Amino acid sequence: GFALGPAGMGWIGDSEQVEFFAELGVTLLLFVVGLKLDPHEIRAVGPV
């Protein structure tokens, strides 16, 4: 990202598309993490 961005070769000028895909990736990451947790497991580590 640094090499291809404005500070490097400048291949990527407007990063709106990259930011959009990045937001989708973050969304799916947290969704998959939530899929692997039962509510009672969250309560088990709640106090600490």
All heavy atoms as atom14 arrays in JSON, in Angstrom:
{
  "sequence": "GFALGPAGMGWIGDSEQVEFFAELGVTLLLFVVGLKLDPHEIRAVGPV",
  "atom14_mask": [
    [1, 1, 1, 1, 0, 0, 0, 0, 0, 0, 0, 0, 0, 0],
    [1, 1, 1, 1, 1, 1, 1, 1, 1, 1, 1, 0, 0, 0],
    [1, 1, 1, 1, 1, 0, 0, 0, 0, 0, 0, 0, 0, 0],
    [1, 1, 1, 1, 1, 1, 1, 1, 0, 0, 0, 0, 0, 0],
    [1, 1, 1, 1, 0, 0, 0, 0, 0, 0, 0, 0, 0, 0],
    [1, 1, 1, 1, 1, 1, 1, 0, 0, 0, 0, 0, 0, 0],
    [1, 1, 1, 1, 1, 0, 0, 0, 0, 0, 0, 0, 0, 0],
    [1, 1, 1, 1, 0, 0, 0, 0, 0, 0, 0, 0, 0, 0],
    [1, 1, 1, 1, 1, 1, 1, 1, 0, 0, 0, 0, 0, 0],
    [1, 1, 1, 1, 0, 0, 0, 0, 0, 0, 0, 0, 0, 0],
    [1, 1, 1, 1, 1, 1, 1, 1, 1, 1, 1, 1, 1, 1],
    [1, 1, 1, 1, 1, 1, 1, 1, 0, 0, 0, 0, 0, 0],
    [1, 1, 1, 1, 0, 0, 0, 0, 0, 0, 0, 0, 0, 0],
    [1, 1, 1, 1, 1, 1, 1, 1, 0, 0, 0, 0, 0, 0],
    [1, 1, 1, 1, 1, 1, 0, 0, 0, 0, 0, 0, 0, 0],
    [1, 1, 1, 1, 1, 1, 1, 1, 1, 0, 0, 0, 0, 0],
    [1, 1, 1, 1, 1, 1, 1, 1, 1, 0, 0, 0, 0, 0],
    [1, 1, 1, 1, 1, 1, 1, 0, 0, 0, 0, 0, 0, 0],
    [1, 1, 1, 1, 1, 1, 1, 1, 1, 0, 0, 0, 0, 0],
    [1, 1, 1, 1, 1, 1, 1, 1, 1, 1, 1, 0, 0, 0],
    [1, 1, 1, 1, 1, 1, 1, 1, 1, 1, 1, 0, 0, 0],
    [1, 1, 1, 1, 1, 0, 0, 0, 0, 0, 0, 0, 0, 0],
    [1, 1, 1, 1, 1, 1, 1, 1, 1, 0, 0, 0, 0, 0],
    [1, 1, 1, 1, 1, 1, 1, 1, 0, 0, 0, 0, 0, 0],
    [1, 1, 1, 1, 0, 0, 0, 0, 0, 0, 0, 0, 0, 0],
    [1, 1, 1, 1, 1, 1, 1, 0, 0, 0, 0, 0, 0, 0],
    [1, 1, 1, 1, 1, 1, 1, 0, 0, 0, 0, 0, 0, 0],
    [1, 1, 1, 1, 1, 1, 1, 1, 0, 0, 0, 0, 0, 0],
    [1, 1, 1, 1, 1, 1, 1, 1, 0, 0, 0, 0, 0, 0],
    [1, 1, 1, 1, 1, 1, 1, 1, 0, 0, 0, 0, 0, 0],
    [1, 1, 1, 1, 1, 1, 1, 1, 1, 1, 1, 0, 0, 0],
    [1, 1, 1, 1, 1, 1, 1, 0, 0, 0, 0, 0, 0, 0],
    [1, 1, 1, 1, 1, 1, 1, 0, 0, 0, 0, 0, 0, 0],
    [1, 1, 1, 1, 0, 0, 0, 0, 0, 0, 0, 0, 0, 0],
    [1, 1, 1, 1, 1, 1, 1, 1, 0, 0, 0, 0, 0, 0],
    [1, 1, 1, 1, 1, 1, 1, 1, 1, 0, 0, 0, 0, 0],
    [1, 1, 1, 1, 1, 1, 1, 1, 0, 0, 0, 0, 0, 0],
    [1, 1, 1, 1, 1, 1, 1, 1, 0, 0, 0, 0, 0, 0],
    [1, 1, 1, 1, 1, 1, 1, 0, 0, 0, 0, 0, 0, 0],
    [1, 1, 1, 1, 1, 1, 1, 1, 1, 1, 0, 0, 0, 0],
    [1, 1, 1, 1, 1, 1, 1, 1, 1, 0, 0, 0, 0, 0],
    [1, 1, 1, 1, 1, 1, 1, 1, 0, 0, 0, 0, 0, 0],
    [1, 1, 1, 1, 1, 1, 1, 1, 1, 1, 1, 0, 0, 0],
    [1, 1, 1, 1, 1, 0, 0, 0, 0, 0, 0, 0, 0, 0],
    [1, 1, 1, 1, 1, 1, 1, 0, 0, 0, 0, 0, 0, 0],
    [1, 1, 1, 1, 0, 0, 0, 0, 0, 0, 0, 0, 0, 0],
    [1, 1, 1, 1, 1, 1, 1, 0, 0, 0, 0, 0, 0, 0],
    [1, 1, 1, 1, 1, 1, 1, 0, 0, 0, 0, 0, 0, 0]
  ],
  "atom14_positions": [
    [[0.81, -1.21, 0.0], [0.0, 0.0, 0.0], [0.84, 1.26, 0.0], [0.56, 2.23, -0.72], [0.0, 0.0, 0.0], [0.0, 0.0, 0.0], [0.0, 0.0, 0.0], [0.0, 0.0, 0.0], [0.0, 0.0, 0.0], [0.0, 0.0, 0.0], [0.0, 0.0, 0.0], [0.0, 0.0, 0.0], [0.0, 0.0, 0.0], [0.0, 0.0, 0.0]],
    [[1.93, 1.25, 0.78], [2.83, 2.41, 0.81], [3.55, 2.6, -0.53], [3.64, 3.71, -1.06], [3.86, 2.23, 1.93], [4.94, 3.26, 1.92], [4.7, 4.56, 2.32], [6.23, 2.93, 1.49], [5.7, 5.52, 2.29], [7.24, 3.88, 1.46], [6.97, 5.18, 1.87], [0.0, 0.0, 0.0], [0.0, 0.0, 0.0], [0.0, 0.0, 0.0]],
    [[4.03, 1.47, -1.11], [4.79, 1.55, -2.35], [3.93, 2.01, -3.52], [4.41, 2.74, -4.41], [5.43, 0.2, -2.66], [0.0, 0.0, 0.0], [0.0, 0.0, 0.0], [0.0, 0.0, 0.0], [0.0, 0.0, 0.0], [0.0, 0.0, 0.0], [0.0, 0.0, 0.0], [0.0, 0.0, 0.0], [0.0, 0.0, 0.0], [0.0, 0.0, 0.0]],
    [[2.67, 1.61, -3.55], [1.8, 1.95, -4.67], [0.99, 3.23, -4.44], [0.33, 3.71, -5.36], [0.82, 0.8, -4.95], [1.44, -0.56, -5.28], [0.35, -1.56, -5.64], [2.45, -0.45, -6.42], [0.0, 0.0, 0.0], [0.0, 0.0, 0.0], [0.0, 0.0, 0.0], [0.0, 0.0, 0.0], [0.0, 0.0, 0.0], [0.0, 0.0, 0.0]],
    [[1.06, 3.77, -3.22], [0.26, 4.94, -2.88], [0.92, 6.25, -3.26], [1.96, 6.29, -3.93], [0.0, 0.0, 0.0], [0.0, 0.0, 0.0], [0.0, 0.0, 0.0], [0.0, 0.0, 0.0], [0.0, 0.0, 0.0], [0.0, 0.0, 0.0], [0.0, 0.0, 0.0], [0.0, 0.0, 0.0], [0.0, 0.0, 0.0], [0.0, 0.0, 0.0]],
    [[0.34, 7.34, -2.79], [0.86, 8.68, -3.13], [2.3, 8.9, -2.7], [3.03, 9.64, -3.36], [-0.09, 9.61, -2.38], [-1.34, 8.82, -2.18], [-0.9, 7.4, -2.01], [0.0, 0.0, 0.0], [0.0, 0.0, 0.0], [0.0, 0.0, 0.0], [0.0, 0.0, 0.0], [0.0, 0.0, 0.0], [0.0, 0.0, 0.0], [0.0, 0.0, 0.0]],
    [[2.73, 8.27, -1.61], [4.1, 8.45, -1.14], [5.1, 7.61, -1.92], [6.3, 7.8, -1.79], [4.21, 8.11, 0.35], [0.0, 0.0, 0.0], [0.0, 0.0, 0.0], [0.0, 0.0, 0.0], [0.0, 0.0, 0.0], [0.0, 0.0, 0.0], [0.0, 0.0, 0.0], [0.0, 0.0, 0.0], [0.0, 0.0, 0.0], [0.0, 0.0, 0.0]],
    [[4.58, 6.63, -2.73], [5.45, 5.78, -3.52], [5.33, 6.06, -5.0], [5.56, 7.18, -5.46], [0.0, 0.0, 0.0], [0.0, 0.0, 0.0], [0.0, 0.0, 0.0], [0.0, 0.0, 0.0], [0.0, 0.0, 0.0], [0.0, 0.0, 0.0], [0.0, 0.0, 0.0], [0.0, 0.0, 0.0], [0.0, 0.0, 0.0], [0.0, 0.0, 0.0]],
    [[4.9, 5.04, -5.75], [4.83, 5.16, -7.21], [3.57, 5.89, -7.7], [3.46, 6.21, -8.87], [4.91, 3.77, -7.84], [6.26, 3.1, -7.64], [6.36, 1.5, -8.48], [5.29, 0.51, -7.44], [0.0, 0.0, 0.0], [0.0, 0.0, 0.0], [0.0, 0.0, 0.0], [0.0, 0.0, 0.0], [0.0, 0.0, 0.0], [0.0, 0.0, 0.0]],
    [[2.62, 6.07, -6.81], [1.43, 6.82, -7.19], [0.45, 6.05, -8.07], [-0.36, 6.65, -8.77], [0.0, 0.0, 0.0], [0.0, 0.0, 0.0], [0.0, 0.0, 0.0], [0.0, 0.0, 0.0], [0.0, 0.0, 0.0], [0.0, 0.0, 0.0], [0.0, 0.0, 0.0], [0.0, 0.0, 0.0], [0.0, 0.0, 0.0], [0.0, 0.0, 0.0]],
    [[0.52, 4.71, -8.05], [-0.43, 3.91, -8.84], [-1.85, 4.09, -8.36], [-2.79, 4.02, -9.14], [-0.06, 2.43, -8.77], [1.12, 2.06, -9.61], [2.07, 2.9, -10.13], [1.5, 0.74, -10.01], [3.01, 2.2, -10.83], [2.69, 0.86, -10.78], [0.98, -0.52, -9.8], [3.33, -0.23, -11.34], [1.61, -1.63, -10.35], [2.78, -1.47, -11.12]],
    [[-2.0, 4.26, -7.05], [-3.33, 4.4, -6.46], [-3.49, 5.86, -6.05], [-2.84, 6.32, -5.11], [-3.52, 3.48, -5.25], [-3.2, 2.03, -5.62], [-4.95, 3.57, -4.73], [-3.27, 1.07, -4.46], [0.0, 0.0, 0.0], [0.0, 0.0, 0.0], [0.0, 0.0, 0.0], [0.0, 0.0, 0.0], [0.0, 0.0, 0.0], [0.0, 0.0, 0.0]],
    [[-4.37, 6.56, -6.73], [-4.59, 7.96, -6.39], [-5.74, 8.1, -5.42], [-5.57, 8.31, -4.22], [0.0, 0.0, 0.0], [0.0, 0.0, 0.0], [0.0, 0.0, 0.0], [0.0, 0.0, 0.0], [0.0, 0.0, 0.0], [0.0, 0.0, 0.0], [0.0, 0.0, 0.0], [0.0, 0.0, 0.0], [0.0, 0.0, 0.0], [0.0, 0.0, 0.0]],
    [[-6.95, 7.95, -5.9], [-8.15, 8.02, -5.06], [-8.38, 6.65, -4.45], [-8.58, 5.66, -5.16], [-9.35, 8.43, -5.91], [-10.6, 8.67, -5.07], [-10.52, 8.47, -3.85], [-11.63, 9.05, -5.65], [0.0, 0.0, 0.0], [0.0, 0.0, 0.0], [0.0, 0.0, 0.0], [0.0, 0.0, 0.0], [0.0, 0.0, 0.0], [0.0, 0.0, 0.0]],
    [[-8.36, 6.56, -3.12], [-8.44, 5.25, -2.44], [-9.84, 4.92, -1.96], [-10.01, 4.1, -1.07], [-7.47, 5.23, -1.25], [-7.83, 6.23, -0.31], [0.0, 0.0, 0.0], [0.0, 0.0, 0.0], [0.0, 0.0, 0.0], [0.0, 0.0, 0.0], [0.0, 0.0, 0.0], [0.0, 0.0, 0.0], [0.0, 0.0, 0.0], [0.0, 0.0, 0.0]],
    [[-10.86, 5.54, -2.53], [-12.23, 5.27, -2.07], [-12.6, 3.8, -2.26], [-13.25, 3.2, -1.4], [-13.22, 6.15, -2.82], [-13.19, 7.61, -2.39], [-14.27, 8.43, -3.08], [-15.08, 7.82, -3.81], [-14.31, 9.65, -2.89], [0.0, 0.0, 0.0], [0.0, 0.0, 0.0], [0.0, 0.0, 0.0], [0.0, 0.0, 0.0], [0.0, 0.0, 0.0]],
    [[-12.21, 3.22, -3.4], [-12.55, 1.82, -3.64], [-11.84, 0.9, -2.66], [-12.43, -0.05, -2.13], [-12.18, 1.43, -5.09], [-13.02, 2.1, -6.16], [-12.54, 3.51, -6.46], [-11.43, 3.89, -6.08], [-13.38, 4.29, -7.13], [0.0, 0.0, 0.0], [0.0, 0.0, 0.0], [0.0, 0.0, 0.0], [0.0, 0.0, 0.0], [0.0, 0.0, 0.0]],
    [[-10.56, 1.19, -2.4], [-9.8, 0.38, -1.44], [-10.42, 0.5, -0.05], [-10.56, -0.5, 0.67], [-8.32, 0.81, -1.42], [-7.57, 0.08, -0.32], [-7.68, 0.54, -2.78], [0.0, 0.0, 0.0], [0.0, 0.0, 0.0], [0.0, 0.0, 0.0], [0.0, 0.0, 0.0], [0.0, 0.0, 0.0], [0.0, 0.0, 0.0], [0.0, 0.0, 0.0]],
    [[-10.8, 1.71, 0.34], [-11.42, 1.91, 1.65], [-12.74, 1.17, 1.75], [-13.08, 0.6, 2.81], [-11.62, 3.4, 1.91], [-10.33, 4.17, 2.15], [-10.58, 5.63, 2.45], [-11.76, 6.04, 2.44], [-9.61, 6.36, 2.7], [0.0, 0.0, 0.0], [0.0, 0.0, 0.0], [0.0, 0.0, 0.0], [0.0, 0.0, 0.0], [0.0, 0.0, 0.0]],
    [[-13.51, 1.14, 0.65], [-14.79, 0.43, 0.67], [-14.57, -1.07, 0.88], [-15.23, -1.69, 1.72], [-15.53, 0.68, -0.64], [-16.79, -0.14, -0.79], [-17.91, 0.14, -0.01], [-16.85, -1.19, -1.68], [-19.07, -0.61, -0.13], [-18.01, -1.95, -1.81], [-19.12, -1.66, -1.04], [0.0, 0.0, 0.0], [0.0, 0.0, 0.0], [0.0, 0.0, 0.0]],
    [[-13.64, -1.65, 0.12], [-13.36, -3.08, 0.3], [-12.8, -3.35, 1.69], [-13.06, -4.41, 2.28], [-12.38, -3.56, -0.78], [-12.98, -3.71, -2.14], [-12.39, -3.12, -3.24], [-14.14, -4.45, -2.33], [-12.94, -3.25, -4.51], [-14.71, -4.59, -3.59], [-14.11, -3.99, -4.68], [0.0, 0.0, 0.0], [0.0, 0.0, 0.0], [0.0, 0.0, 0.0]],
    [[-12.01, -2.42, 2.2], [-11.45, -2.59, 3.54], [-12.56, -2.63, 4.59], [-12.53, -3.45, 5.52], [-10.47, -1.45, 3.85], [0.0, 0.0, 0.0], [0.0, 0.0, 0.0], [0.0, 0.0, 0.0], [0.0, 0.0, 0.0], [0.0, 0.0, 0.0], [0.0, 0.0, 0.0], [0.0, 0.0, 0.0], [0.0, 0.0, 0.0], [0.0, 0.0, 0.0]],
    [[-13.55, -1.77, 4.44], [-14.68, -1.76, 5.39], [-15.46, -3.06, 5.31], [-15.9, -3.6, 6.34], [-15.59, -0.57, 5.1], [-15.01, 0.77, 5.51], [-16.02, 1.89, 5.35], [-17.12, 1.63, 4.84], [-15.7, 3.03, 5.73], [0.0, 0.0, 0.0], [0.0, 0.0, 0.0], [0.0, 0.0, 0.0], [0.0, 0.0, 0.0], [0.0, 0.0, 0.0]],
    [[-15.64, -3.59, 4.1], [-16.33, -4.88, 3.96], [-15.53, -5.99, 4.64], [-16.1, -6.87, 5.3], [-16.53, -5.21, 2.49], [-17.58, -4.42, 1.71], [-17.65, -4.89, 0.27], [-18.96, -4.54, 2.37], [0.0, 0.0, 0.0], [0.0, 0.0, 0.0], [0.0, 0.0, 0.0], [0.0, 0.0, 0.0], [0.0, 0.0, 0.0], [0.0, 0.0, 0.0]],
    [[-14.21, -5.96, 4.49], [-13.38, -6.97, 5.12], [-13.46, -6.93, 6.63], [-13.56, -7.97, 7.29], [0.0, 0.0, 0.0], [0.0, 0.0, 0.0], [0.0, 0.0, 0.0], [0.0, 0.0, 0.0], [0.0, 0.0, 0.0], [0.0, 0.0, 0.0], [0.0, 0.0, 0.0], [0.0, 0.0, 0.0], [0.0, 0.0, 0.0], [0.0, 0.0, 0.0]],
    [[-13.41, -5.73, 7.19], [-13.52, -5.58, 8.64], [-14.88, -6.06, 9.13], [-15.0, -6.74, 10.16], [-13.29, -4.11, 9.04], [-13.61, -3.89, 10.51], [-11.86, -3.69, 8.74], [0.0, 0.0, 0.0], [0.0, 0.0, 0.0], [0.0, 0.0, 0.0], [0.0, 0.0, 0.0], [0.0, 0.0, 0.0], [0.0, 0.0, 0.0], [0.0, 0.0, 0.0]],
    [[-15.92, -5.74, 8.37], [-17.27, -6.17, 8.73], [-17.37, -7.69, 8.78], [-17.89, -8.27, 9.74], [-18.29, -5.61, 7.72], [-18.25, -4.18, 7.77], [-19.7, -6.08, 8.06], [0.0, 0.0, 0.0], [0.0, 0.0, 0.0], [0.0, 0.0, 0.0], [0.0, 0.0, 0.0], [0.0, 0.0, 0.0], [0.0, 0.0, 0.0], [0.0, 0.0, 0.0]],
    [[-16.87, -8.36, 7.75], [-16.93, -9.82, 7.72], [-16.05, -10.44, 8.79], [-16.4, -11.49, 9.35], [-16.52, -10.33, 6.34], [-17.58, -10.23, 5.24], [-17.08, -10.89, 3.96], [-18.88, -10.88, 5.66], [0.0, 0.0, 0.0], [0.0, 0.0, 0.0], [0.0, 0.0, 0.0], [0.0, 0.0, 0.0], [0.0, 0.0, 0.0], [0.0, 0.0, 0.0]],
    [[-14.91, -9.82, 9.08], [-14.03, -10.34, 10.13], [-14.75, -10.39, 11.46], [-14.77, -11.43, 12.14], [-12.78, -9.47, 10.24], [-11.85, -9.79, 11.42], [-11.23, -11.16, 11.25], [-10.77, -8.73, 11.56], [0.0, 0.0, 0.0], [0.0, 0.0, 0.0], [0.0, 0.0, 0.0], [0.0, 0.0, 0.0], [0.0, 0.0, 0.0], [0.0, 0.0, 0.0]],
    [[-15.38, -9.29, 11.84], [-16.07, -9.26, 13.13], [-17.3, -10.15, 13.12], [-17.67, -10.74, 14.14], [-16.45, -7.82, 13.48], [-15.4, -6.99, 14.25], [-15.14, -7.62, 15.61], [-14.1, -6.86, 13.49], [0.0, 0.0, 0.0], [0.0, 0.0, 0.0], [0.0, 0.0, 0.0], [0.0, 0.0, 0.0], [0.0, 0.0, 0.0], [0.0, 0.0, 0.0]],
    [[-17.95, -10.28, 11.98], [-19.1, -11.16, 11.87], [-18.69, -12.62, 12.09], [-19.35, -13.35, 12.85], [-19.75, -11.01, 10.49], [-20.9, -11.95, 10.25], [-22.09, -11.81, 10.94], [-20.79, -12.97, 9.31], [-23.15, -12.67, 10.71], [-21.84, -13.84, 9.08], [-23.03, -13.69, 9.79], [0.0, 0.0, 0.0], [0.0, 0.0, 0.0], [0.0, 0.0, 0.0]],
    [[-17.6, -13.04, 11.47], [-17.14, -14.42, 11.64], [-16.7, -14.67, 13.08], [-16.93, -15.76, 13.63], [-16.0, -14.72, 10.65], [-15.36, -16.07, 10.95], [-16.53, -14.7, 9.21], [0.0, 0.0, 0.0], [0.0, 0.0, 0.0], [0.0, 0.0, 0.0], [0.0, 0.0, 0.0], [0.0, 0.0, 0.0], [0.0, 0.0, 0.0], [0.0, 0.0, 0.0]],
    [[-16.07, -13.68, 13.7], [-15.7, -13.82, 15.11], [-16.94, -14.01, 15.97], [-16.99, -14.88, 16.85], [-14.9, -12.59, 15.59], [-14.73, -12.61, 17.1], [-13.55, -12.55, 14.91], [0.0, 0.0, 0.0], [0.0, 0.0, 0.0], [0.0, 0.0, 0.0], [0.0, 0.0, 0.0], [0.0, 0.0, 0.0], [0.0, 0.0, 0.0], [0.0, 0.0, 0.0]],
    [[-17.98, -13.21, 15.7], [-19.23, -13.37, 16.44], [-19.86, -14.72, 16.23], [-20.45, -15.3, 17.15], [0.0, 0.0, 0.0], [0.0, 0.0, 0.0], [0.0, 0.0, 0.0], [0.0, 0.0, 0.0], [0.0, 0.0, 0.0], [0.0, 0.0, 0.0], [0.0, 0.0, 0.0], [0.0, 0.0, 0.0], [0.0, 0.0, 0.0], [0.0, 0.0, 0.0]],
    [[-19.73, -15.27, 15.02], [-20.29, -16.6, 14.74], [-19.67, -17.68, 15.63], [-20.33, -18.68, 15.94], [-20.05, -16.98, 13.28], [-20.97, -16.4, 12.22], [-20.52, -16.83, 10.83], [-22.41, -16.82, 12.45], [0.0, 0.0, 0.0], [0.0, 0.0, 0.0], [0.0, 0.0, 0.0], [0.0, 0.0, 0.0], [0.0, 0.0, 0.0], [0.0, 0.0, 0.0]],
    [[-18.42, -17.48, 16.0], [-17.71, -18.51, 16.76], [-17.92, -18.39, 18.27], [-17.35, -19.17, 19.03], [-16.22, -18.45, 16.44], [-15.92, -18.79, 14.98], [-14.43, -18.72, 14.68], [-14.14, -19.09, 13.24], [-12.7, -19.02, 12.92], [0.0, 0.0, 0.0], [0.0, 0.0, 0.0], [0.0, 0.0, 0.0], [0.0, 0.0, 0.0], [0.0, 0.0, 0.0]],
    [[-18.71, -17.41, 18.69], [-18.92, -17.2, 20.12], [-20.37, -17.37, 20.5], [-21.26, -16.8, 19.87], [-18.46, -15.79, 20.52], [-16.96, -15.49, 20.44], [-16.72, -14.06, 20.85], [-16.17, -16.43, 21.32], [0.0, 0.0, 0.0], [0.0, 0.0, 0.0], [0.0, 0.0, 0.0], [0.0, 0.0, 0.0], [0.0, 0.0, 0.0], [0.0, 0.0, 0.0]],
    [[-20.59, -18.16, 21.53], [-21.92, -18.24, 22.12], [-22.06, -17.15, 23.17], [-21.07, -16.78, 23.83], [-22.14, -19.61, 22.78], [-22.47, -20.67, 21.75], [-23.08, -20.32, 20.73], [-22.09, -21.84, 21.96], [0.0, 0.0, 0.0], [0.0, 0.0, 0.0], [0.0, 0.0, 0.0], [0.0, 0.0, 0.0], [0.0, 0.0, 0.0], [0.0, 0.0, 0.0]],
    [[-23.28, -16.63, 23.39], [-23.44, -15.59, 24.43], [-22.95, -16.02, 25.8], [-22.39, -15.2, 26.54], [-24.96, -15.35, 24.43], [-25.39, -15.69, 23.03], [-24.5, -16.83, 22.61], [0.0, 0.0, 0.0], [0.0, 0.0, 0.0], [0.0, 0.0, 0.0], [0.0, 0.0, 0.0], [0.0, 0.0, 0.0], [0.0, 0.0, 0.0], [0.0, 0.0, 0.0]],
    [[-23.12, -17.29, 26.17], [-22.68, -17.71, 27.51], [-21.16, -17.69, 27.61], [-20.59, -17.53, 28.69], [-23.23, -19.09, 27.85], [-22.57, -20.23, 27.12], [-22.97, -20.6, 25.85], [-21.55, -21.05, 27.46], [-22.22, -21.62, 25.45], [-21.36, -21.91, 26.4], [0.0, 0.0, 0.0], [0.0, 0.0, 0.0], [0.0, 0.0, 0.0], [0.0, 0.0, 0.0]],
    [[-20.44, -17.85, 26.46], [-18.99, -17.77, 26.49], [-18.54, -16.33, 26.71], [-17.52, -16.07, 27.36], [-18.43, -18.31, 25.18], [-18.66, -19.81, 25.0], [-18.14, -20.31, 23.67], [-17.75, -19.46, 22.84], [-18.13, -21.52, 23.45], [0.0, 0.0, 0.0], [0.0, 0.0, 0.0], [0.0, 0.0, 0.0], [0.0, 0.0, 0.0], [0.0, 0.0, 0.0]],
    [[-19.29, -15.38, 26.15], [-18.97, -13.96, 26.36], [-19.16, -13.61, 27.83], [-18.34, -12.92, 28.43], [-19.85, -13.08, 25.46], [-19.59, -13.4, 23.99], [-19.58, -11.6, 25.73], [-20.51, -12.66, 23.05], [0.0, 0.0, 0.0], [0.0, 0.0, 0.0], [0.0, 0.0, 0.0], [0.0, 0.0, 0.0], [0.0, 0.0, 0.0], [0.0, 0.0, 0.0]],
    [[-20.26, -14.1, 28.42], [-20.51, -13.8, 29.84], [-19.43, -14.4, 30.73], [-19.1, -13.85, 31.78], [-21.88, -14.35, 30.25], [-23.06, -13.61, 29.65], [-24.35, -13.98, 30.36], [-24.65, -15.39, 30.19], [-25.41, -15.87, 29.21], [-25.9, -15.06, 28.3], [-25.66, -17.16, 29.12], [0.0, 0.0, 0.0], [0.0, 0.0, 0.0], [0.0, 0.0, 0.0]],
    [[-18.83, -15.52, 30.3], [-17.84, -16.19, 31.13], [-16.59, -15.33, 31.34], [-15.95, -15.41, 32.39], [-17.44, -17.53, 30.49], [0.0, 0.0, 0.0], [0.0, 0.0, 0.0], [0.0, 0.0, 0.0], [0.0, 0.0, 0.0], [0.0, 0.0, 0.0], [0.0, 0.0, 0.0], [0.0, 0.0, 0.0], [0.0, 0.0, 0.0], [0.0, 0.0, 0.0]],
    [[-16.22, -14.51, 30.35], [-15.04, -13.66, 30.5], [-15.42, -12.2, 30.71], [-14.56, -11.33, 30.7], [-14.11, -13.78, 29.26], [-13.6, -15.18, 29.11], [-14.83, -13.31, 27.99], [0.0, 0.0, 0.0], [0.0, 0.0, 0.0], [0.0, 0.0, 0.0], [0.0, 0.0, 0.0], [0.0, 0.0, 0.0], [0.0, 0.0, 0.0], [0.0, 0.0, 0.0]],
    [[-16.72, -11.94, 30.91], [-17.19, -10.57, 31.07], [-16.53, -9.81, 32.2], [-16.01, -8.71, 31.98], [0.0, 0.0, 0.0], [0.0, 0.0, 0.0], [0.0, 0.0, 0.0], [0.0, 0.0, 0.0], [0.0, 0.0, 0.0], [0.0, 0.0, 0.0], [0.0, 0.0, 0.0], [0.0, 0.0, 0.0], [0.0, 0.0, 0.0], [0.0, 0.0, 0.0]],
    [[-16.48, -10.35, 33.44], [-15.9, -9.59, 34.56], [-14.44, -9.2, 34.33], [-14.06, -8.05, 34.54], [-16.06, -10.55, 35.75], [-17.22, -11.41, 35.37], [-17.13, -11.59, 33.89], [0.0, 0.0, 0.0], [0.0, 0.0, 0.0], [0.0, 0.0, 0.0], [0.0, 0.0, 0.0], [0.0, 0.0, 0.0], [0.0, 0.0, 0.0], [0.0, 0.0, 0.0]],
    [[-13.62, -10.15, 33.89], [-12.2, -9.82, 33.69], [-12.03, -8.87, 32.51], [-11.18, -7.97, 32.55], [-11.35, -11.1, 33.5], [-11.75, -11.88, 32.26], [-9.86, -10.74, 33.44], [0.0, 0.0, 0.0], [0.0, 0.0, 0.0], [0.0, 0.0, 0.0], [0.0, 0.0, 0.0], [0.0, 0.0, 0.0], [0.0, 0.0, 0.0], [0.0, 0.0, 0.0]]
  ]
}
